[in-house]
Amino acid sequence: MTMSARHNRVSWTHKTVVHDWLLAFSGWKVFVAYSPLIFTAKITTGELTQDLFAADEALHEAEQAFDEVNYCARLAREVESFDDVPWPVSIPQVTDDRESMATVDGKASFDLACISVAATFLHELRHVQFWNDQNAPSDPQDEERACDSFSRSFLLDRVADYSLSTGESADGVTSKRIMGLATAAYTIDEATPKDLAASISDTHPPTPERFKSLVLDATAPDDAHCWTYTASLLLASIRRSRRLPINLQFSSSRDLSEKLVGLL
């Protein structure tokens, strides 16, 4: 499974696209599961607590649903062919036909999958540009950071022009694209086993830094939906590893995202 730049080309496999598709749909399930708890905490105590999670009777089933999708994505990374992977019943097959998505949730997940793959492609495209211009940073980690920054900027810098031509809300488009960037960071986190992180530390920044360079360095109102979505994705990883404190105070969804990145 790969999407990578080598000299003057970007190459990837179908397996990579399918893997990222699964995790985009998983990411939306995570958002649906955790966003009500974040909203509840925000309008009440300003504190995310273990008691709040325990009081949500539907949460365990929701977590099982997206954990199943993540498990299938993990299997996909390990086997030679997707034919050997059980496809989650709740996830539609990969398609380029957005209108074939039967639900609003399906259409949202489709959009996030597209933006996430675009973000990864743009990251790799910047590697190609560095190779072509022979001006890549000498430190491989700095090159990775620059590629993340290029990807984020490409997707966000001209949102105002896009919104002017389409009549869509610039804030809404920005928030949606940041959600796609967060999905890309979530995919990186899921696809980088903790025992592999040390082996690539000389060439790639750690996952928390990838969340910062791809997502948190973006500009959007502190309580935009994109920050609630980002916080939800971070919660999925942190709860799985049992690193969430008993109480976590926050002043906004962005503040929560920044604090959760620190726990990743």
Protein backbone atom coordinates (compact mmCIF):
# COMPACT_ATOMS: atom_id res chain seq x y z
CA MET A 1 0.00 0.00 0.00
CA THR A 2 1.58 3.27 -1.03
CA MET A 3 1.10 6.82 -2.16
CA SER A 4 4.55 8.27 -2.64
CA ALA A 5 6.66 10.57 -4.75
CA ARG A 6 9.67 9.31 -6.62
CA HIS A 7 11.57 11.80 -8.73
CA ASN A 8 9.11 13.20 -11.29
CA ARG A 9 5.97 11.23 -10.49
CA VAL A 10 3.46 10.45 -7.79
CA SER A 11 2.39 6.82 -7.65
CA TRP A 12 -0.23 5.04 -5.61
CA THR A 13 -2.17 1.82 -5.55
CA HIS A 14 -5.90 1.20 -5.66
CA LYS A 15 -5.45 -0.42 -2.27
CA THR A 16 -4.34 2.92 -0.84
CA VAL A 17 -7.45 4.70 -2.08
CA VAL A 18 -9.73 1.98 -0.70
CA HIS A 19 -7.90 2.04 2.64
CA ASP A 20 -8.31 5.82 2.90
CA TRP A 21 -11.97 5.52 1.85
CA LEU A 22 -12.62 3.19 4.79
CA LEU A 23 -10.97 5.57 7.24
CA ALA A 24 -12.90 8.58 5.91
CA PHE A 25 -16.16 6.76 6.56
CA SER A 26 -14.79 5.70 9.96
CA GLY A 27 -13.93 9.33 10.70
CA TRP A 28 -17.51 10.43 10.10
CA LYS A 29 -18.76 7.65 12.41
CA VAL A 30 -16.32 8.90 15.06
CA PHE A 31 -17.69 12.44 14.64
CA VAL A 32 -21.29 11.24 14.99
CA ALA A 33 -20.35 9.30 18.13
CA TYR A 34 -18.35 11.96 19.98
CA SER A 35 -19.64 15.35 18.80
CA PRO A 36 -22.80 15.26 21.01
CA LEU A 37 -20.59 14.74 24.06
CA ILE A 38 -18.31 17.60 23.06
CA PHE A 39 -21.30 19.91 22.47
CA THR A 40 -22.84 18.89 25.81
CA ALA A 41 -19.60 19.55 27.67
CA LYS A 42 -19.15 22.89 25.89
CA ILE A 43 -22.58 24.28 26.82
CA THR A 44 -22.59 22.95 30.39
CA THR A 45 -19.40 22.65 32.41
CA GLY A 46 -16.73 23.28 29.77
CA GLU A 47 -15.20 20.02 30.87
CA LEU A 48 -14.99 16.65 29.11
CA THR A 49 -15.28 13.95 31.77
CA GLN A 50 -15.16 10.18 31.94
CA ASP A 51 -18.60 10.32 33.59
CA LEU A 52 -19.98 12.03 30.48
CA PHE A 53 -18.76 9.17 28.30
CA ALA A 54 -20.09 6.57 30.74
CA ALA A 55 -23.56 8.16 30.75
CA ASP A 56 -23.95 7.78 26.97
CA GLU A 57 -25.64 4.40 26.66
CA ALA A 58 -25.28 4.28 22.87
CA LEU A 59 -21.57 5.10 22.86
CA HIS A 60 -20.23 1.57 23.26
CA GLU A 61 -22.13 0.37 20.20
CA ALA A 62 -21.02 3.41 18.19
CA GLU A 63 -17.37 2.81 19.14
CA GLN A 64 -17.68 -0.82 18.11
CA ALA A 65 -19.01 0.32 14.72
CA PHE A 66 -16.04 2.52 13.84
CA ASP A 67 -13.55 0.17 15.49
CA GLU A 68 -14.78 -2.53 13.09
CA VAL A 69 -14.03 -0.27 10.11
CA ASN A 70 -10.59 0.60 11.49
CA TYR A 71 -9.88 -3.10 12.01
CA CYS A 72 -10.70 -3.81 8.36
CA ALA A 73 -8.43 -0.92 7.28
CA ARG A 74 -5.66 -2.37 9.45
CA LEU A 75 -6.15 -5.78 7.86
CA ALA A 76 -5.95 -4.15 4.44
CA ARG A 77 -2.51 -2.80 5.25
CA GLU A 78 -1.29 -6.28 6.16
CA VAL A 79 -2.70 -8.50 3.41
CA GLU A 80 -1.73 -8.66 -0.22
CA SER A 81 -5.21 -8.24 -1.67
CA PHE A 82 -8.43 -6.61 -0.56
CA ASP A 83 -10.13 -9.88 -1.50
CA ASP A 84 -8.80 -11.18 1.81
CA VAL A 85 -10.44 -8.39 3.82
CA PRO A 86 -14.03 -8.63 5.12
CA TRP A 87 -15.79 -5.48 3.92
CA PRO A 88 -17.74 -3.69 6.70
CA VAL A 89 -21.46 -3.98 6.03
CA SER A 90 -22.04 -0.34 7.00
CA ILE A 91 -19.61 1.08 4.41
CA PRO A 92 -20.50 1.48 0.70
CA GLN A 93 -18.05 0.23 -1.91
CA VAL A 94 -15.66 2.77 -3.40
CA THR A 95 -17.22 4.82 -6.19
CA ASP A 96 -16.76 8.14 -7.94
CA ASP A 97 -20.53 8.68 -7.98
CA ARG A 98 -21.42 10.92 -5.04
CA GLU A 99 -25.12 10.77 -5.85
CA SER A 100 -25.07 7.02 -5.34
CA MET A 101 -24.61 7.65 -1.63
CA ALA A 102 -28.04 6.96 -0.17
CA THR A 103 -27.74 9.16 2.93
CA VAL A 104 -26.48 12.56 4.00
CA ASP A 105 -23.90 10.77 6.16
CA GLY A 106 -22.73 8.87 3.08
CA LYS A 107 -22.35 12.04 1.04
CA ALA A 108 -20.44 13.75 3.86
CA SER A 109 -18.09 10.77 4.16
CA PHE A 110 -17.62 10.72 0.37
CA ASP A 111 -16.60 14.39 0.39
CA LEU A 112 -14.16 13.85 3.25
CA ALA A 113 -12.63 10.87 1.45
CA CYS A 114 -12.06 13.00 -1.66
CA ILE A 115 -10.51 15.93 0.24
CA SER A 116 -8.34 13.58 2.31
CA VAL A 117 -6.93 11.80 -0.74
CA ALA A 118 -6.41 15.19 -2.43
CA ALA A 119 -4.45 16.37 0.62
CA THR A 120 -2.21 13.31 0.48
CA PHE A 121 -1.70 13.69 -3.27
CA LEU A 122 -0.78 17.37 -2.89
CA HIS A 123 1.72 16.47 -0.17
CA GLU A 124 3.42 14.04 -2.54
CA LEU A 125 3.23 16.52 -5.42
CA ARG A 126 5.31 18.97 -3.36
CA HIS A 127 7.99 16.27 -3.02
CA VAL A 128 8.05 16.08 -6.83
CA GLN A 129 8.42 19.84 -7.07
CA PHE A 130 11.33 19.77 -4.64
CA TRP A 131 13.00 17.06 -6.71
CA ASN A 132 12.41 18.93 -9.96
CA ASP A 133 13.73 22.23 -8.59
CA GLN A 134 16.54 20.57 -6.63
CA ASN A 135 15.82 22.73 -3.59
CA ALA A 136 14.46 20.32 -0.98
CA PRO A 137 15.33 21.06 2.66
CA SER A 138 18.38 19.14 3.83
CA ASP A 139 16.48 17.68 6.79
CA PRO A 140 13.90 15.06 5.64
CA GLN A 141 11.58 16.04 8.50
CA ASP A 142 11.63 19.65 7.34
CA GLU A 143 10.71 18.50 3.84
CA GLU A 144 7.74 16.57 5.25
CA ARG A 145 6.62 19.64 7.17
CA ALA A 146 6.92 21.78 4.04
CA CYS A 147 4.85 19.27 2.06
CA ASP A 148 2.13 19.30 4.72
CA SER A 149 2.11 23.09 4.68
CA PHE A 150 1.86 23.13 0.87
CA SER A 151 -1.07 20.72 0.94
CA ARG A 152 -2.92 22.75 3.57
CA SER A 153 -2.26 26.05 1.79
CA PHE A 154 -3.29 24.67 -1.62
CA LEU A 155 -6.68 23.64 -0.23
CA LEU A 156 -7.33 26.75 1.88
CA ASP A 157 -5.60 29.84 0.50
CA ARG A 158 -8.09 30.59 -2.30
CA VAL A 159 -11.31 29.54 -0.63
CA ALA A 160 -12.57 33.13 -0.92
CA ASP A 161 -12.18 33.03 -4.72
CA TYR A 162 -13.94 29.66 -4.89
CA SER A 163 -16.79 30.90 -2.70
CA LEU A 164 -17.19 34.04 -4.81
CA SER A 165 -17.59 31.93 -7.95
CA THR A 166 -20.00 29.41 -6.40
CA GLY A 167 -21.96 31.50 -3.92
CA GLU A 168 -21.07 29.10 -1.10
CA SER A 169 -20.15 30.36 2.35
CA ALA A 170 -16.39 30.84 2.65
CA ASP A 171 -16.51 29.83 6.32
CA GLY A 172 -18.43 26.69 5.44
CA VAL A 173 -16.04 25.71 2.65
CA THR A 174 -13.02 26.38 4.87
CA SER A 175 -14.44 24.28 7.69
CA LYS A 176 -15.24 21.41 5.34
CA ARG A 177 -11.75 21.43 3.82
CA ILE A 178 -10.14 21.50 7.26
CA MET A 179 -12.26 18.46 8.10
CA GLY A 180 -10.79 16.77 5.02
CA LEU A 181 -7.28 17.69 6.17
CA ALA A 182 -8.09 16.28 9.61
CA THR A 183 -9.23 13.07 7.92
CA ALA A 184 -5.85 12.86 6.19
CA ALA A 185 -4.07 13.31 9.53
CA TYR A 186 -6.35 10.67 11.09
CA THR A 187 -5.43 8.29 8.27
CA ILE A 188 -1.73 8.92 8.89
CA ASP A 189 -2.20 8.21 12.60
CA GLU A 190 -4.14 5.00 11.96
CA ALA A 191 -1.67 3.81 9.33
CA THR A 192 1.40 4.41 11.52
CA PRO A 193 1.57 1.65 14.16
CA LYS A 194 3.11 2.86 17.39
CA ASP A 195 5.93 0.31 17.04
CA LEU A 196 6.73 1.76 13.59
CA ALA A 197 6.80 5.41 14.65
CA ALA A 198 10.30 5.14 16.12
CA SER A 199 11.71 3.55 12.96
CA ILE A 200 10.65 6.49 10.78
CA SER A 201 11.42 9.23 13.29
CA ASP A 202 14.52 10.32 11.36
CA THR A 203 12.51 11.10 8.23
CA HIS A 204 8.94 11.84 9.38
CA PRO A 205 7.66 14.12 12.16
CA PRO A 206 5.57 12.39 14.86
CA THR A 207 1.82 12.14 14.33
CA PRO A 208 0.91 14.99 16.73
CA GLU A 209 3.06 17.30 14.65
CA ARG A 210 1.35 16.09 11.47
CA PHE A 211 -2.01 17.05 12.99
CA LYS A 212 -0.59 20.49 13.76
CA SER A 213 0.95 21.13 10.34
CA LEU A 214 -1.99 19.77 8.35
CA VAL A 215 -4.87 20.92 10.53
CA LEU A 216 -4.21 23.10 13.56
CA ASP A 217 -2.12 25.63 11.64
CA ALA A 218 -5.26 26.43 9.64
CA THR A 219 -7.44 29.41 10.48
CA ALA A 220 -11.13 29.05 11.34
CA PRO A 221 -13.39 30.32 14.15
CA ASP A 222 -12.63 28.60 17.44
CA ASP A 223 -15.98 26.79 17.54
CA ALA A 224 -16.25 25.93 13.83
CA HIS A 225 -17.48 22.41 13.12
CA CYS A 226 -14.04 21.46 11.81
CA TRP A 227 -12.55 21.69 15.31
CA THR A 228 -15.28 19.52 16.81
CA TYR A 229 -14.60 17.01 14.04
CA THR A 230 -10.83 17.17 14.66
CA ALA A 231 -11.33 16.74 18.41
CA SER A 232 -13.55 13.72 17.75
CA LEU A 233 -10.89 12.02 15.63
CA LEU A 234 -8.26 12.65 18.28
CA LEU A 235 -10.56 11.28 20.98
CA ALA A 236 -10.89 8.00 19.08
CA SER A 237 -7.15 7.35 19.26
CA ILE A 238 -6.71 8.65 22.80
CA ARG A 239 -9.61 6.65 24.25
CA ARG A 240 -8.37 3.49 22.54
CA SER A 241 -4.99 3.90 24.24
CA ARG A 242 -6.63 4.89 27.54
CA ARG A 243 -4.80 8.21 27.74
CA LEU A 244 -7.80 10.47 28.27
CA PRO A 245 -7.69 12.12 31.71
CA ILE A 246 -10.67 11.89 34.06
CA ASN A 247 -11.41 15.57 33.48
CA LEU A 248 -10.32 17.77 30.58
CA GLN A 249 -11.29 21.45 30.64
CA PHE A 250 -11.52 23.42 27.40
CA SER A 251 -12.74 26.82 26.29
CA SER A 252 -13.63 26.04 22.66
CA SER A 253 -13.55 23.17 20.19
CA ARG A 254 -10.23 24.42 18.85
CA ASP A 255 -8.81 24.58 22.36
CA LEU A 256 -9.99 21.00 22.93
CA SER A 257 -8.31 19.88 19.69
CA GLU A 258 -5.02 21.49 20.72
CA LYS A 259 -5.13 19.86 24.15
CA LEU A 260 -5.97 16.46 22.70
CA VAL A 261 -3.07 16.69 20.21
CA GLY A 262 -0.84 17.12 23.26
CA LEU A 263 -2.15 13.79 24.59
CA LEU A 264 -1.82 11.87 21.29
